[in-house]
Amino acid sequence: MKATELETKKFDKALDEILDLFNNLENDDPIIHFGDDVIENIERAKKKYGDETVDERINTVVREMLSWLDLESVDLEEDEQKGEEEDET
């Protein structure tokens, strides 16, 4: 591929910006850290029953379990703001 010197410089700059963005991405930390045995069984269940069915059933079980807990007084936005303030210090 032929490019002028100006095009090459533009490409290099754009590539540097993309790499910089990539290097500054935050880790996508899962909400729930399942054990290896649970992950293996979920994979087996999805293979046998399909993704949608297994996802729906897991959500039903977790939703029911969470309904047993008193969570109404927990403000997620307040916790996120505290986390951001701690990151700044």
N, C-alpha and C. Protein backbone atom coordinates (compact mmCIF):
# COMPACT_ATOMS: atom_id res chain seq x y z
N MET A 1 0.85 -1.16 0.00
CA MET A 1 0.00 0.00 0.00
C MET A 1 0.90 1.23 0.00
N LYS A 2 0.66 2.10 -0.93
CA LYS A 2 1.45 3.33 -1.03
C LYS A 2 0.74 4.44 -0.26
N ALA A 3 1.53 5.24 0.42
CA ALA A 3 0.99 6.38 1.14
C ALA A 3 2.01 7.49 1.12
N THR A 4 1.51 8.71 1.12
CA THR A 4 2.42 9.85 1.18
C THR A 4 2.97 9.95 2.60
N GLU A 5 3.98 10.77 2.76
CA GLU A 5 4.57 10.96 4.09
C GLU A 5 3.54 11.53 5.06
N LEU A 6 2.72 12.45 4.59
CA LEU A 6 1.67 13.04 5.43
C LEU A 6 0.65 11.98 5.85
N GLU A 7 0.24 11.13 4.91
CA GLU A 7 -0.71 10.05 5.23
C GLU A 7 -0.11 9.07 6.23
N THR A 8 1.16 8.77 6.08
CA THR A 8 1.84 7.86 7.01
C THR A 8 1.87 8.46 8.41
N LYS A 9 2.18 9.75 8.52
CA LYS A 9 2.20 10.42 9.82
C LYS A 9 0.81 10.42 10.46
N LYS A 10 -0.23 10.68 9.65
CA LYS A 10 -1.60 10.67 10.16
C LYS A 10 -1.97 9.27 10.68
N PHE A 11 -1.59 8.27 9.90
CA PHE A 11 -1.88 6.90 10.29
C PHE A 11 -1.15 6.55 11.59
N ASP A 12 0.12 6.91 11.69
CA ASP A 12 0.90 6.64 12.90
C ASP A 12 0.28 7.32 14.12
N LYS A 13 -0.15 8.55 13.95
CA LYS A 13 -0.77 9.30 15.05
C LYS A 13 -2.08 8.63 15.47
N ALA A 14 -2.89 8.25 14.49
CA ALA A 14 -4.17 7.60 14.79
C ALA A 14 -3.94 6.26 15.49
N LEU A 15 -2.95 5.53 15.04
CA LEU A 15 -2.63 4.24 15.66
C LEU A 15 -2.17 4.44 17.09
N ASP A 16 -1.34 5.44 17.34
CA ASP A 16 -0.90 5.75 18.70
C ASP A 16 -2.09 6.09 19.60
N GLU A 17 -3.06 6.85 19.07
CA GLU A 17 -4.24 7.21 19.85
C GLU A 17 -5.08 5.98 20.17
N ILE A 18 -5.23 5.09 19.21
CA ILE A 18 -5.99 3.86 19.45
C ILE A 18 -5.30 3.00 20.51
N LEU A 19 -3.99 2.86 20.41
CA LEU A 19 -3.25 2.09 21.39
C LEU A 19 -3.35 2.72 22.78
N ASP A 20 -3.30 4.03 22.84
CA ASP A 20 -3.43 4.73 24.12
C ASP A 20 -4.81 4.49 24.73
N LEU A 21 -5.85 4.58 23.91
CA LEU A 21 -7.20 4.30 24.40
C LEU A 21 -7.31 2.86 24.91
N PHE A 22 -6.75 1.94 24.17
CA PHE A 22 -6.79 0.53 24.56
C PHE A 22 -6.06 0.31 25.89
N ASN A 23 -4.91 0.92 26.04
CA ASN A 23 -4.12 0.75 27.27
C ASN A 23 -4.79 1.36 28.49
N ASN A 24 -5.69 2.33 28.28
CA ASN A 24 -6.35 3.00 29.40
C ASN A 24 -7.75 2.45 29.69
N LEU A 25 -8.14 1.36 29.02
CA LEU A 25 -9.44 0.75 29.29
C LEU A 25 -9.46 0.18 30.70
N GLU A 26 -10.62 0.27 31.34
CA GLU A 26 -10.79 -0.32 32.65
C GLU A 26 -11.10 -1.79 32.49
N ASN A 27 -10.68 -2.60 33.46
CA ASN A 27 -11.00 -4.01 33.44
C ASN A 27 -12.50 -4.20 33.63
N ASP A 28 -13.06 -5.14 32.92
CA ASP A 28 -14.47 -5.47 33.05
C ASP A 28 -14.58 -6.57 34.10
N ASP A 29 -14.74 -6.14 35.35
CA ASP A 29 -14.80 -7.08 36.47
C ASP A 29 -16.21 -7.64 36.57
N PRO A 30 -16.36 -8.97 36.55
CA PRO A 30 -17.70 -9.55 36.62
C PRO A 30 -18.39 -9.23 37.94
N ILE A 31 -19.72 -9.14 37.90
CA ILE A 31 -20.49 -8.86 39.10
C ILE A 31 -20.42 -10.04 40.06
N ILE A 32 -20.48 -11.25 39.52
CA ILE A 32 -20.42 -12.46 40.34
C ILE A 32 -19.23 -13.28 39.88
N HIS A 33 -18.43 -13.72 40.83
CA HIS A 33 -17.28 -14.57 40.52
C HIS A 33 -17.67 -16.02 40.82
N PHE A 34 -18.11 -16.72 39.77
CA PHE A 34 -18.51 -18.11 39.93
C PHE A 34 -17.28 -18.99 40.10
N GLY A 35 -17.44 -20.09 40.83
CA GLY A 35 -16.38 -21.09 40.95
C GLY A 35 -16.23 -21.82 39.63
N ASP A 36 -15.06 -22.42 39.43
CA ASP A 36 -14.80 -23.14 38.18
C ASP A 36 -15.81 -24.26 37.95
N ASP A 37 -16.19 -24.95 39.03
CA ASP A 37 -17.15 -26.04 38.89
C ASP A 37 -18.52 -25.53 38.45
N VAL A 38 -18.92 -24.37 38.95
CA VAL A 38 -20.20 -23.77 38.57
C VAL A 38 -20.16 -23.35 37.11
N ILE A 39 -19.08 -22.72 36.70
CA ILE A 39 -18.94 -22.30 35.30
C ILE A 39 -19.01 -23.51 34.37
N GLU A 40 -18.35 -24.57 34.76
CA GLU A 40 -18.36 -25.79 33.94
C GLU A 40 -19.78 -26.34 33.80
N ASN A 41 -20.52 -26.36 34.91
CA ASN A 41 -21.90 -26.86 34.85
C ASN A 41 -22.82 -25.93 34.08
N ILE A 42 -22.60 -24.62 34.18
CA ILE A 42 -23.38 -23.67 33.38
C ILE A 42 -23.13 -23.92 31.89
N GLU A 43 -21.86 -24.12 31.52
CA GLU A 43 -21.53 -24.39 30.12
C GLU A 43 -22.21 -25.68 29.64
N ARG A 44 -22.21 -26.71 30.49
CA ARG A 44 -22.88 -27.97 30.13
C ARG A 44 -24.39 -27.74 29.95
N ALA A 45 -24.99 -27.02 30.90
CA ALA A 45 -26.43 -26.76 30.84
C ALA A 45 -26.78 -25.97 29.59
N LYS A 46 -25.97 -24.96 29.25
CA LYS A 46 -26.24 -24.16 28.05
C LYS A 46 -26.13 -25.01 26.79
N LYS A 47 -25.18 -25.93 26.79
CA LYS A 47 -25.02 -26.80 25.64
C LYS A 47 -26.24 -27.72 25.49
N LYS A 48 -26.77 -28.20 26.61
CA LYS A 48 -27.90 -29.13 26.58
C LYS A 48 -29.24 -28.42 26.38
N TYR A 49 -29.45 -27.29 27.10
CA TYR A 49 -30.76 -26.65 27.11
C TYR A 49 -30.81 -25.32 26.34
N GLY A 50 -29.66 -24.79 25.98
CA GLY A 50 -29.61 -23.52 25.25
C GLY A 50 -29.34 -22.34 26.16
N ASP A 51 -28.69 -21.34 25.61
CA ASP A 51 -28.30 -20.14 26.37
C ASP A 51 -29.49 -19.45 27.01
N GLU A 52 -30.53 -19.22 26.22
CA GLU A 52 -31.68 -18.44 26.70
C GLU A 52 -32.35 -19.11 27.90
N THR A 53 -32.57 -20.41 27.82
CA THR A 53 -33.23 -21.13 28.90
C THR A 53 -32.41 -21.09 30.18
N VAL A 54 -31.12 -21.34 30.06
CA VAL A 54 -30.25 -21.36 31.24
C VAL A 54 -30.13 -19.96 31.83
N ASP A 55 -29.95 -18.94 30.99
CA ASP A 55 -29.87 -17.56 31.48
C ASP A 55 -31.15 -17.18 32.24
N GLU A 56 -32.30 -17.56 31.67
CA GLU A 56 -33.58 -17.25 32.29
C GLU A 56 -33.71 -17.94 33.65
N ARG A 57 -33.32 -19.18 33.74
CA ARG A 57 -33.44 -19.92 35.00
C ARG A 57 -32.48 -19.40 36.06
N ILE A 58 -31.25 -19.07 35.66
CA ILE A 58 -30.29 -18.51 36.62
C ILE A 58 -30.81 -17.18 37.13
N ASN A 59 -31.34 -16.35 36.24
CA ASN A 59 -31.90 -15.06 36.66
C ASN A 59 -33.07 -15.25 37.62
N THR A 60 -33.90 -16.25 37.37
CA THR A 60 -35.04 -16.52 38.25
C THR A 60 -34.56 -16.91 39.64
N VAL A 61 -33.58 -17.79 39.72
CA VAL A 61 -33.05 -18.23 41.01
C VAL A 61 -32.40 -17.07 41.75
N VAL A 62 -31.58 -16.30 41.07
CA VAL A 62 -30.89 -15.17 41.71
C VAL A 62 -31.90 -14.11 42.14
N ARG A 63 -32.87 -13.82 41.30
CA ARG A 63 -33.91 -12.84 41.65
C ARG A 63 -34.64 -13.26 42.92
N GLU A 64 -34.99 -14.55 43.01
CA GLU A 64 -35.68 -15.08 44.20
C GLU A 64 -34.78 -14.96 45.43
N MET A 65 -33.52 -15.35 45.30
CA MET A 65 -32.59 -15.28 46.44
C MET A 65 -32.42 -13.83 46.91
N LEU A 66 -32.31 -12.90 45.99
CA LEU A 66 -32.15 -11.50 46.35
C LEU A 66 -33.40 -10.91 46.99
N SER A 67 -34.57 -11.49 46.67
CA SER A 67 -35.81 -11.00 47.27
C SER A 67 -35.85 -11.28 48.77
N TRP A 68 -35.03 -12.20 49.25
CA TRP A 68 -34.97 -12.51 50.68
C TRP A 68 -34.20 -11.45 51.46
N LEU A 69 -33.44 -10.63 50.77
CA LEU A 69 -32.58 -9.65 51.42
C LEU A 69 -33.23 -8.28 51.47
N ASP A 70 -32.94 -7.52 52.50
CA ASP A 70 -33.44 -6.15 52.62
C ASP A 70 -32.48 -5.23 51.87
N LEU A 71 -32.83 -4.90 50.65
CA LEU A 71 -31.94 -4.10 49.79
C LEU A 71 -32.51 -2.73 49.47
N GLU A 72 -33.72 -2.44 49.93
CA GLU A 72 -34.38 -1.17 49.61
C GLU A 72 -33.60 0.04 50.09
N SER A 73 -32.88 -0.08 51.19
CA SER A 73 -32.17 1.07 51.77
C SER A 73 -30.81 1.32 51.13
N VAL A 74 -30.38 0.46 50.22
CA VAL A 74 -29.07 0.59 49.59
C VAL A 74 -29.18 1.50 48.37
N ASP A 75 -28.35 2.55 48.34
CA ASP A 75 -28.34 3.50 47.23
C ASP A 75 -27.09 3.24 46.39
N LEU A 76 -27.26 2.68 45.22
CA LEU A 76 -26.12 2.35 44.36
C LEU A 76 -25.36 3.59 43.90
N GLU A 77 -26.08 4.67 43.60
CA GLU A 77 -25.43 5.89 43.13
C GLU A 77 -24.53 6.47 44.21
N GLU A 78 -24.93 6.39 45.46
CA GLU A 78 -24.11 6.91 46.57
C GLU A 78 -22.81 6.13 46.66
N ASP A 79 -22.87 4.81 46.52
CA ASP A 79 -21.67 3.97 46.58
C ASP A 79 -20.74 4.26 45.41
N GLU A 80 -21.30 4.49 44.22
CA GLU A 80 -20.48 4.80 43.05
C GLU A 80 -19.75 6.13 43.24
N GLN A 81 -20.42 7.11 43.83
CA GLN A 81 -19.80 8.41 44.06
C GLN A 81 -18.67 8.28 45.07
N LYS A 82 -18.84 7.47 46.10
CA LYS A 82 -17.78 7.25 47.08
C LYS A 82 -16.58 6.60 46.42
N GLY A 83 -16.84 5.63 45.57
CA GLY A 83 -15.75 4.96 44.86
C GLY A 83 -14.97 5.90 43.98
N GLU A 84 -15.67 6.79 43.30
CA GLU A 84 -15.00 7.78 42.44
C GLU A 84 -14.17 8.75 43.27
N GLU A 85 -14.68 9.16 44.43
CA GLU A 85 -13.95 10.07 45.30
C GLU A 85 -12.68 9.39 45.82
N GLU A 86 -12.78 8.10 46.17
CA GLU A 86 -11.61 7.38 46.66
C GLU A 86 -10.56 7.22 45.57
N ASP A 87 -11.01 7.02 44.32
CA ASP A 87 -10.08 6.88 43.20
C ASP A 87 -9.29 8.16 42.97
N GLU A 88 -9.91 9.31 43.25
CA GLU A 88 -9.27 10.61 43.01
C GLU A 88 -8.18 10.91 44.04
N THR A 89 -8.25 10.31 45.21
CA THR A 89 -7.26 10.59 46.26
C THR A 89 -6.04 9.75 46.13
